[in-house]
Amino acid sequence: MTENTTVESSPSITVLYIEDDEFTATRTSRYLERHGLSIRWFSDGRSGLAELIREEPDIVLLDLQIPQMDGLQVCAEIRRRSDVPIIIITAREEEADRVLGLEGGADDYLVKPFSTRELLARIRAHVRRARGRAGPESPVLRVGRITIDPRTYSAALDGTPLRLTTYEFALLKALAERAGRVLSREQMMELVTGSADEAFDRSIDVHISNLRRKLGDDPRQPTLLKTIRGVGYVLLGESS
């Protein structure tokens, strides 16, 4: 694999990989390509963003410490233009960096060194959710002012479409299916990712905060999504 080279075959998942460390990029890309993924690798933020504008991938892998354009800036620009899943892969392991990445619109966060096998599993899970094939087809859900259609992976508030990331949609759907019930962070993580241990605890809080902001819900006086201190979260209302 060489920089800025696209694999000629047409696998089911296309990955835009923005990483300036050639060794890491080559090792990771070769593993993913062996498992049928197509990798488009770029070593700086501006080139990677330009490629996304040219042709949107199925998922983005994004390092934070990249030249020409900071990874968090790239993440924000991608999210401004697209709902494509974003997994941040970086050596920054401080919780504050993870929170900034998730608040900036990333769906997931992996710290180097990471397991390529785990990365592949996460890529497939995020793309599966983005394509609306995370499980059996479900009927439209209505909880108060919120409508969720799992068939089209869309949600609306008072009839106005909500622009959600794949993770936010999966989280809202899990809460809506259990409207009126308090769910712990571990329960939500299990429902959304299949594992309660997949991410650090604050990640759910950050995704909930982003979701609440998009719903226009005041956390001090919530009418839609309420925090139960020390326990978890509940979507207010009854599903129909």
C-alpha atoms as a PDB file:
ATOM      1  CA  MET A   1       0.000   0.000   0.000  1.00  0.00           C
ATOM      2  CA  THR A   2       1.264   3.488  -0.807  1.00  0.00           C
ATOM      3  CA  GLU A   3       0.005   6.840   0.344  1.00  0.00           C
ATOM      4  CA  ASN A   4      -3.041   8.235  -1.470  1.00  0.00           C
ATOM      5  CA  THR A   5      -3.560   4.904  -3.256  1.00  0.00           C
ATOM      6  CA  THR A   6      -6.951   3.232  -3.417  1.00  0.00           C
ATOM      7  CA  VAL A   7      -7.227  -0.546  -3.586  1.00  0.00           C
ATOM      8  CA  GLU A   8      -8.669  -1.532  -6.960  1.00  0.00           C
ATOM      9  CA  SER A   9     -11.064  -4.194  -5.729  1.00  0.00           C
ATOM     10  CA  SER A  10     -14.517  -3.207  -4.476  1.00  0.00           C
ATOM     11  CA  PRO A  11     -14.938  -4.526  -0.954  1.00  0.00           C
ATOM     12  CA  SER A  12     -18.110  -3.855   0.977  1.00  0.00           C
ATOM     13  CA  ILE A  13     -16.550  -1.237   3.277  1.00  0.00           C
ATOM     14  CA  THR A  14     -14.514   1.784   2.172  1.00  0.00           C
ATOM     15  CA  VAL A  15     -12.328   3.406   4.831  1.00  0.00           C
ATOM     16  CA  LEU A  16     -10.832   6.903   4.743  1.00  0.00           C
ATOM     17  CA  TYR A  17      -7.730   6.646   6.935  1.00  0.00           C
ATOM     18  CA  ILE A  18      -6.024   9.898   8.012  1.00  0.00           C
ATOM     19  CA  GLU A  19      -2.759   9.047   9.777  1.00  0.00           C
ATOM     20  CA  ASP A  20       0.722  10.578   9.458  1.00  0.00           C
ATOM     21  CA  ASP A  21       2.636   7.612  10.925  1.00  0.00           C
ATOM     22  CA  GLU A  22       3.488   5.524   7.855  1.00  0.00           C
ATOM     23  CA  PHE A  23       4.390   2.409   9.854  1.00  0.00           C
ATOM     24  CA  THR A  24       1.072   2.412  11.730  1.00  0.00           C
ATOM     25  CA  ALA A  25      -0.902   3.252   8.591  1.00  0.00           C
ATOM     26  CA  THR A  26       0.754   0.509   6.537  1.00  0.00           C
ATOM     27  CA  ARG A  27       0.407  -2.162   9.223  1.00  0.00           C
ATOM     28  CA  THR A  28      -3.224  -1.305   9.932  1.00  0.00           C
ATOM     29  CA  SER A  29      -4.219  -0.922   6.283  1.00  0.00           C
ATOM     30  CA  ARG A  30      -2.717  -4.257   5.268  1.00  0.00           C
ATOM     31  CA  TYR A  31      -4.626  -6.032   8.018  1.00  0.00           C
ATOM     32  CA  LEU A  32      -7.922  -4.383   7.078  1.00  0.00           C
ATOM     33  CA  GLU A  33      -7.366  -5.030   3.365  1.00  0.00           C
ATOM     34  CA  ARG A  34      -6.762  -8.716   4.069  1.00  0.00           C
ATOM     35  CA  HIS A  35     -10.237  -8.755   5.591  1.00  0.00           C
ATOM     36  CA  GLY A  36     -11.890  -7.242   2.528  1.00  0.00           C
ATOM     37  CA  LEU A  37     -11.898  -3.521   3.319  1.00  0.00           C
ATOM     38  CA  SER A  38     -10.798  -0.828   0.865  1.00  0.00           C
ATOM     39  CA  ILE A  39      -8.431   1.751   2.380  1.00  0.00           C
ATOM     40  CA  ARG A  40      -7.838   5.293   1.171  1.00  0.00           C
ATOM     41  CA  TRP A  41      -4.895   6.585   3.206  1.00  0.00           C
ATOM     42  CA  PHE A  42      -3.863  10.223   3.588  1.00  0.00           C
ATOM     43  CA  SER A  43      -1.105  11.522   5.835  1.00  0.00           C
ATOM     44  CA  ASP A  44      -2.419  15.036   6.533  1.00  0.00           C
ATOM     45  CA  GLY A  45      -5.711  16.588   7.522  1.00  0.00           C
ATOM     46  CA  ARG A  46      -6.306  18.821   4.516  1.00  0.00           C
ATOM     47  CA  SER A  47      -5.786  16.048   1.973  1.00  0.00           C
ATOM     48  CA  GLY A  48      -7.974  13.677   3.956  1.00  0.00           C
ATOM     49  CA  LEU A  49     -10.783  16.209   4.207  1.00  0.00           C
ATOM     50  CA  ALA A  50     -10.535  16.980   0.488  1.00  0.00           C
ATOM     51  CA  GLU A  51     -10.871  13.261  -0.261  1.00  0.00           C
ATOM     52  CA  LEU A  52     -13.997  12.999   1.889  1.00  0.00           C
ATOM     53  CA  ILE A  53     -15.529  15.914  -0.012  1.00  0.00           C
ATOM     54  CA  ARG A  54     -14.609  14.239  -3.308  1.00  0.00           C
ATOM     55  CA  GLU A  55     -16.059  10.851  -2.375  1.00  0.00           C
ATOM     56  CA  GLU A  56     -17.618   9.994   0.968  1.00  0.00           C
ATOM     57  CA  PRO A  57     -16.390   6.713   2.520  1.00  0.00           C
ATOM     58  CA  ASP A  58     -18.304   4.294   4.731  1.00  0.00           C
ATOM     59  CA  ILE A  59     -16.210   5.245   7.767  1.00  0.00           C
ATOM     60  CA  VAL A  60     -13.311   7.517   8.774  1.00  0.00           C
ATOM     61  CA  LEU A  61     -10.310   6.532  10.899  1.00  0.00           C
ATOM     62  CA  LEU A  62      -8.710   9.716  12.196  1.00  0.00           C
ATOM     63  CA  ASP A  63      -5.507  10.406  14.106  1.00  0.00           C
ATOM     64  CA  LEU A  64      -5.493  13.596  16.172  1.00  0.00           C
ATOM     65  CA  GLN A  65      -1.828  14.510  15.759  1.00  0.00           C
ATOM     66  CA  ILE A  66      -1.610  15.100  12.017  1.00  0.00           C
ATOM     67  CA  PRO A  67       0.059  17.879   9.991  1.00  0.00           C
ATOM     68  CA  GLN A  68      -1.547  20.839   8.201  1.00  0.00           C
ATOM     69  CA  MET A  69      -4.833  20.576  10.079  1.00  0.00           C
ATOM     70  CA  ASP A  70      -5.427  19.402  13.648  1.00  0.00           C
ATOM     71  CA  GLY A  71      -7.373  16.159  13.967  1.00  0.00           C
ATOM     72  CA  LEU A  72     -10.081  17.780  16.085  1.00  0.00           C
ATOM     73  CA  GLN A  73     -10.554  20.439  13.398  1.00  0.00           C
ATOM     74  CA  VAL A  74     -10.816  17.736  10.755  1.00  0.00           C
ATOM     75  CA  CYS A  75     -13.364  15.881  12.893  1.00  0.00           C
ATOM     76  CA  ALA A  76     -15.480  19.018  13.294  1.00  0.00           C
ATOM     77  CA  GLU A  77     -15.317  19.765   9.552  1.00  0.00           C
ATOM     78  CA  ILE A  78     -16.309  16.213   8.659  1.00  0.00           C
ATOM     79  CA  ARG A  79     -19.215  16.297  11.079  1.00  0.00           C
ATOM     80  CA  ARG A  80     -20.352  19.652   9.691  1.00  0.00           C
ATOM     81  CA  ARG A  81     -20.590  18.085   6.239  1.00  0.00           C
ATOM     82  CA  SER A  82     -21.500  14.472   6.900  1.00  0.00           C
ATOM     83  CA  ASP A  83     -22.899  11.905   9.345  1.00  0.00           C
ATOM     84  CA  VAL A  84     -20.292   9.310   8.335  1.00  0.00           C
ATOM     85  CA  PRO A  85     -19.019   7.296  11.350  1.00  0.00           C
ATOM     86  CA  ILE A  86     -15.692   8.547  12.742  1.00  0.00           C
ATOM     87  CA  ILE A  87     -13.302   6.513  14.886  1.00  0.00           C
ATOM     88  CA  ILE A  88     -10.461   8.496  16.421  1.00  0.00           C
ATOM     89  CA  ILE A  89      -7.205   6.542  16.744  1.00  0.00           C
ATOM     90  CA  THR A  90      -4.503   8.362  18.669  1.00  0.00           C
ATOM     91  CA  ALA A  91      -1.704   8.128  21.208  1.00  0.00           C
ATOM     92  CA  ARG A  92      -3.476  10.691  23.394  1.00  0.00           C
ATOM     93  CA  GLU A  93      -4.863   8.655  26.266  1.00  0.00           C
ATOM     94  CA  GLU A  94      -6.025  11.374  28.658  1.00  0.00           C
ATOM     95  CA  GLU A  95      -9.753  11.359  29.367  1.00  0.00           C
ATOM     96  CA  ALA A  96      -9.955  15.053  28.459  1.00  0.00           C
ATOM     97  CA  ASP A  97      -8.728  14.269  24.931  1.00  0.00           C
ATOM     98  CA  ARG A  98     -11.281  11.490  24.550  1.00  0.00           C
ATOM     99  CA  VAL A  99     -14.067  13.779  25.705  1.00  0.00           C
ATOM    100  CA  LEU A 100     -12.968  16.498  23.261  1.00  0.00           C
ATOM    101  CA  GLY A 101     -12.965  13.986  20.419  1.00  0.00           C
ATOM    102  CA  LEU A 102     -16.435  12.689  21.211  1.00  0.00           C
ATOM    103  CA  GLU A 103     -17.801  16.185  21.788  1.00  0.00           C
ATOM    104  CA  GLY A 104     -16.345  17.116  18.408  1.00  0.00           C
ATOM    105  CA  GLY A 105     -18.547  14.515  16.744  1.00  0.00           C
ATOM    106  CA  ALA A 106     -16.521  11.288  16.785  1.00  0.00           C
ATOM    107  CA  ASP A 107     -18.446   8.045  17.300  1.00  0.00           C
ATOM    108  CA  ASP A 108     -15.638   6.082  18.910  1.00  0.00           C
ATOM    109  CA  TYR A 109     -12.091   6.414  20.274  1.00  0.00           C
ATOM    110  CA  LEU A 110      -9.164   3.973  20.303  1.00  0.00           C
ATOM    111  CA  VAL A 111      -5.833   4.585  22.016  1.00  0.00           C
ATOM    112  CA  LYS A 112      -2.534   3.452  20.470  1.00  0.00           C
ATOM    113  CA  PRO A 113      -1.242   0.806  20.598  1.00  0.00           C
ATOM    114  CA  PHE A 114      -4.497  -0.892  19.651  1.00  0.00           C
ATOM    115  CA  SER A 115      -5.625  -4.322  18.521  1.00  0.00           C
ATOM    116  CA  THR A 116      -6.249  -4.409  14.763  1.00  0.00           C
ATOM    117  CA  ARG A 117      -8.739  -7.202  15.384  1.00  0.00           C
ATOM    118  CA  GLU A 118     -10.702  -4.971  17.768  1.00  0.00           C
ATOM    119  CA  LEU A 119     -10.506  -2.093  15.293  1.00  0.00           C
ATOM    120  CA  LEU A 120     -11.947  -4.296  12.537  1.00  0.00           C
ATOM    121  CA  ALA A 121     -14.817  -5.346  14.813  1.00  0.00           C
ATOM    122  CA  ARG A 122     -15.594  -1.733  15.666  1.00  0.00           C
ATOM    123  CA  ILE A 123     -15.465  -0.653  12.022  1.00  0.00           C
ATOM    124  CA  ARG A 124     -17.922  -3.371  11.035  1.00  0.00           C
ATOM    125  CA  ALA A 125     -20.251  -2.526  13.932  1.00  0.00           C
ATOM    126  CA  HIS A 126     -20.320   1.200  13.130  1.00  0.00           C
ATOM    127  CA  VAL A 127     -20.852   0.638   9.409  1.00  0.00           C
ATOM    128  CA  ARG A 128     -23.572  -1.925  10.114  1.00  0.00           C
ATOM    129  CA  ARG A 129     -25.394   0.619  12.284  1.00  0.00           C
ATOM    130  CA  ALA A 130     -24.897   3.367   9.703  1.00  0.00           C
ATOM    131  CA  ARG A 131     -26.443   1.162   7.030  1.00  0.00           C
ATOM    132  CA  GLY A 132     -29.366   0.346   9.275  1.00  0.00           C
ATOM    133  CA  ARG A 133     -28.603  -3.348   9.520  1.00  0.00           C
ATOM    134  CA  ALA A 134     -27.757  -3.625  13.197  1.00  0.00           C
ATOM    135  CA  GLY A 135     -30.566  -6.108  13.780  1.00  0.00           C
ATOM    136  CA  PRO A 136     -34.035  -7.245  12.697  1.00  0.00           C
ATOM    137  CA  GLU A 137     -36.183  -4.561  11.102  1.00  0.00           C
ATOM    138  CA  SER A 138     -38.262  -2.718  13.697  1.00  0.00           C
ATOM    139  CA  PRO A 139     -41.447  -0.671  13.390  1.00  0.00           C
ATOM    140  CA  VAL A 140     -41.490   3.111  13.710  1.00  0.00           C
ATOM    141  CA  LEU A 141     -41.149   4.226  17.336  1.00  0.00           C
ATOM    142  CA  ARG A 142     -42.938   7.248  18.759  1.00  0.00           C
ATOM    143  CA  VAL A 143     -42.108   8.626  22.180  1.00  0.00           C
ATOM    144  CA  GLY A 144     -43.858  11.907  22.852  1.00  0.00           C
ATOM    145  CA  ARG A 145     -42.487  14.438  20.360  1.00  0.00           C
ATOM    146  CA  ILE A 146     -39.834  12.053  19.037  1.00  0.00           C
ATOM    147  CA  THR A 147     -40.282   9.717  16.059  1.00  0.00           C
ATOM    148  CA  ILE A 148     -37.691   7.069  15.187  1.00  0.00           C
ATOM    149  CA  ASP A 149     -37.694   4.965  12.025  1.00  0.00           C
ATOM    150  CA  PRO A 150     -35.145   2.106  12.254  1.00  0.00           C
ATOM    151  CA  ARG A 151     -35.841   1.150   8.626  1.00  0.00           C
ATOM    152  CA  THR A 152     -34.445   4.431   7.307  1.00  0.00           C
ATOM    153  CA  TYR A 153     -32.186   5.159  10.276  1.00  0.00           C
ATOM    154  CA  SER A 154     -33.883   8.506  10.733  1.00  0.00           C
ATOM    155  CA  ALA A 155     -35.330  10.399  13.672  1.00  0.00           C
ATOM    156  CA  ALA A 156     -37.406  13.546  14.007  1.00  0.00           C
ATOM    157  CA  LEU A 157     -38.516  15.936  16.727  1.00  0.00           C
ATOM    158  CA  ASP A 158     -41.972  17.434  16.157  1.00  0.00           C
ATOM    159  CA  GLY A 159     -41.638  16.315  12.540  1.00  0.00           C
ATOM    160  CA  THR A 160     -38.306  18.093  12.026  1.00  0.00           C
ATOM    161  CA  PRO A 161     -35.497  15.688  11.036  1.00  0.00           C
ATOM    162  CA  LEU A 162     -32.665  15.275  13.530  1.00  0.00           C
ATOM    163  CA  ARG A 163     -29.121  15.053  12.230  1.00  0.00           C
ATOM    164  CA  LEU A 164     -27.624  12.322  14.403  1.00  0.00           C
ATOM    165  CA  THR A 165     -24.424  10.325  14.220  1.00  0.00           C
ATOM    166  CA  THR A 166     -24.835   6.560  13.964  1.00  0.00           C
ATOM    167  CA  TYR A 167     -23.936   6.188  17.636  1.00  0.00           C
ATOM    168  CA  GLU A 168     -26.404   8.879  18.718  1.00  0.00           C
ATOM    169  CA  PHE A 169     -29.157   7.248  16.675  1.00  0.00           C
ATOM    170  CA  ALA A 170     -28.459   3.830  18.199  1.00  0.00           C
ATOM    171  CA  LEU A 171     -28.455   5.386  21.669  1.00  0.00           C
ATOM    172  CA  LEU A 172     -31.743   7.230  21.092  1.00  0.00           C
ATOM    173  CA  LYS A 173     -33.335   4.068  19.686  1.00  0.00           C
ATOM    174  CA  ALA A 174     -32.242   2.024  22.717  1.00  0.00           C
ATOM    175  CA  LEU A 175     -33.704   4.632  25.072  1.00  0.00           C
ATOM    176  CA  ALA A 176     -36.922   4.942  23.038  1.00  0.00           C
ATOM    177  CA  GLU A 177     -37.493   1.195  23.053  1.00  0.00           C
ATOM    178  CA  ARG A 178     -37.348   1.388  26.853  1.00  0.00           C
ATOM    179  CA  ALA A 179     -38.997   4.789  27.320  1.00  0.00           C
ATOM    180  CA  GLY A 180     -39.846   5.558  30.930  1.00  0.00           C
ATOM    181  CA  ARG A 181     -37.219   3.107  32.210  1.00  0.00           C
ATOM    182  CA  VAL A 182     -33.922   4.210  33.707  1.00  0.00           C
ATOM    183  CA  LEU A 183     -30.929   2.694  31.913  1.00  0.00           C
ATOM    184  CA  SER A 184     -27.465   2.607  33.438  1.00  0.00           C
ATOM    185  CA  ARG A 185     -24.384   3.509  31.397  1.00  0.00           C
ATOM    186  CA  GLU A 186     -23.429  -0.161  31.305  1.00  0.00           C
ATOM    187  CA  GLN A 187     -26.867  -1.167  30.009  1.00  0.00           C
ATOM    188  CA  MET A 188     -26.761   1.478  27.286  1.00  0.00           C
ATOM    189  CA  MET A 189     -23.252   0.473  26.241  1.00  0.00           C
ATOM    190  CA  GLU A 190     -24.332  -3.160  26.058  1.00  0.00           C
ATOM    191  CA  LEU A 191     -27.412  -2.300  23.987  1.00  0.00           C
ATOM    192  CA  VAL A 192     -25.539  -0.044  21.561  1.00  0.00           C
ATOM    193  CA  THR A 193     -22.192  -1.819  21.170  1.00  0.00           C
ATOM    194  CA  GLY A 194     -22.794  -5.330  22.476  1.00  0.00           C
ATOM    195  CA  SER A 195     -20.245  -4.863  25.252  1.00  0.00           C
ATOM    196  CA  ALA A 196     -20.370  -2.952  28.517  1.00  0.00           C
ATOM    197  CA  ASP A 197     -16.571  -2.740  28.557  1.00  0.00           C
ATOM    198  CA  GLU A 198     -15.957  -1.359  25.083  1.00  0.00           C
ATOM    199  CA  ALA A 199     -15.364   2.277  25.998  1.00  0.00           C
ATOM    200  CA  PHE A 200     -14.527   4.443  28.959  1.00  0.00           C
ATOM    201  CA  ASP A 201     -17.395   5.494  31.210  1.00  0.00           C
ATOM    202  CA  ARG A 202     -17.530   9.161  30.207  1.00  0.00           C
ATOM    203  CA  SER A 203     -18.165   8.319  26.543  1.00  0.00           C
ATOM    204  CA  ILE A 204     -21.854   7.658  27.211  1.00  0.00           C
ATOM    205  CA  ASP A 205     -22.139  10.971  29.080  1.00  0.00           C
ATOM    206  CA  VAL A 206     -20.618  12.830  26.136  1.00  0.00           C
ATOM    207  CA  HIS A 207     -22.896  11.149  23.581  1.00  0.00           C
ATOM    208  CA  ILE A 208     -25.930  11.861  25.794  1.00  0.00           C
ATOM    209  CA  SER A 209     -24.861  15.504  26.075  1.00  0.00           C
ATOM    210  CA  ASN A 210     -24.592  15.772  22.276  1.00  0.00           C
ATOM    211  CA  LEU A 211     -27.945  14.035  21.834  1.00  0.00           C
ATOM    212  CA  ARG A 212     -29.622  16.301  24.380  1.00  0.00           C
ATOM    213  CA  ARG A 213     -28.237  19.377  22.620  1.00  0.00           C
ATOM    214  CA  LYS A 214     -29.638  18.216  19.271  1.00  0.00           C
ATOM    215  CA  LEU A 215     -33.010  17.561  20.910  1.00  0.00           C
ATOM    216  CA  GLY A 216     -32.947  21.090  22.333  1.00  0.00           C
ATOM    217  CA  ASP A 217     -33.484  19.699  25.830  1.00  0.00           C
ATOM    218  CA  ASP A 218     -32.342  21.797  28.798  1.00  0.00           C
ATOM    219  CA  PRO A 219     -30.366  19.497  31.161  1.00  0.00           C
ATOM    220  CA  ARG A 220     -31.404  21.682  34.115  1.00  0.00           C
ATOM    221  CA  GLN A 221     -35.109  21.251  33.347  1.00  0.00           C
ATOM    222  CA  PRO A 222     -35.341  18.277  30.984  1.00  0.00           C
ATOM    223  CA  THR A 223     -38.599  17.412  29.277  1.00  0.00           C
ATOM    224  CA  LEU A 224     -37.211  14.657  27.046  1.00  0.00           C
ATOM    225  CA  LEU A 225     -34.013  13.109  28.389  1.00  0.00           C
ATOM    226  CA  LYS A 226     -33.468  13.063  32.125  1.00  0.00           C
ATOM    227  CA  THR A 227     -30.360  12.245  34.151  1.00  0.00           C
ATOM    228  CA  ILE A 228     -30.908  10.105  37.228  1.00  0.00           C
ATOM    229  CA  ARG A 229     -27.868  10.989  39.304  1.00  0.00           C
ATOM    230  CA  GLY A 230     -25.728   8.010  40.184  1.00  0.00           C
ATOM    231  CA  VAL A 231     -27.919   5.651  38.150  1.00  0.00           C
ATOM    232  CA  GLY A 232     -28.207   6.565  34.469  1.00  0.00           C
ATOM    233  CA  TYR A 233     -30.618   8.134  31.985  1.00  0.00           C
ATOM    234  CA  VAL A 234     -34.281   7.860  31.026  1.00  0.00           C
ATOM    235  CA  LEU A 235     -36.209   9.008  27.955  1.00  0.00           C
ATOM    236  CA  LEU A 236     -39.391  10.546  29.298  1.00  0.00           C
ATOM    237  CA  GLY A 237     -42.740   9.469  27.891  1.00  0.00           C
ATOM    238  CA  GLU A 238     -44.323   6.267  26.656  1.00  0.00           C
ATOM    239  CA  SER A 239     -43.498   4.534  23.397  1.00  0.00           C
ATOM    240  CA  SER A 240     -46.167   3.729  20.833  1.00  0.00           C
END
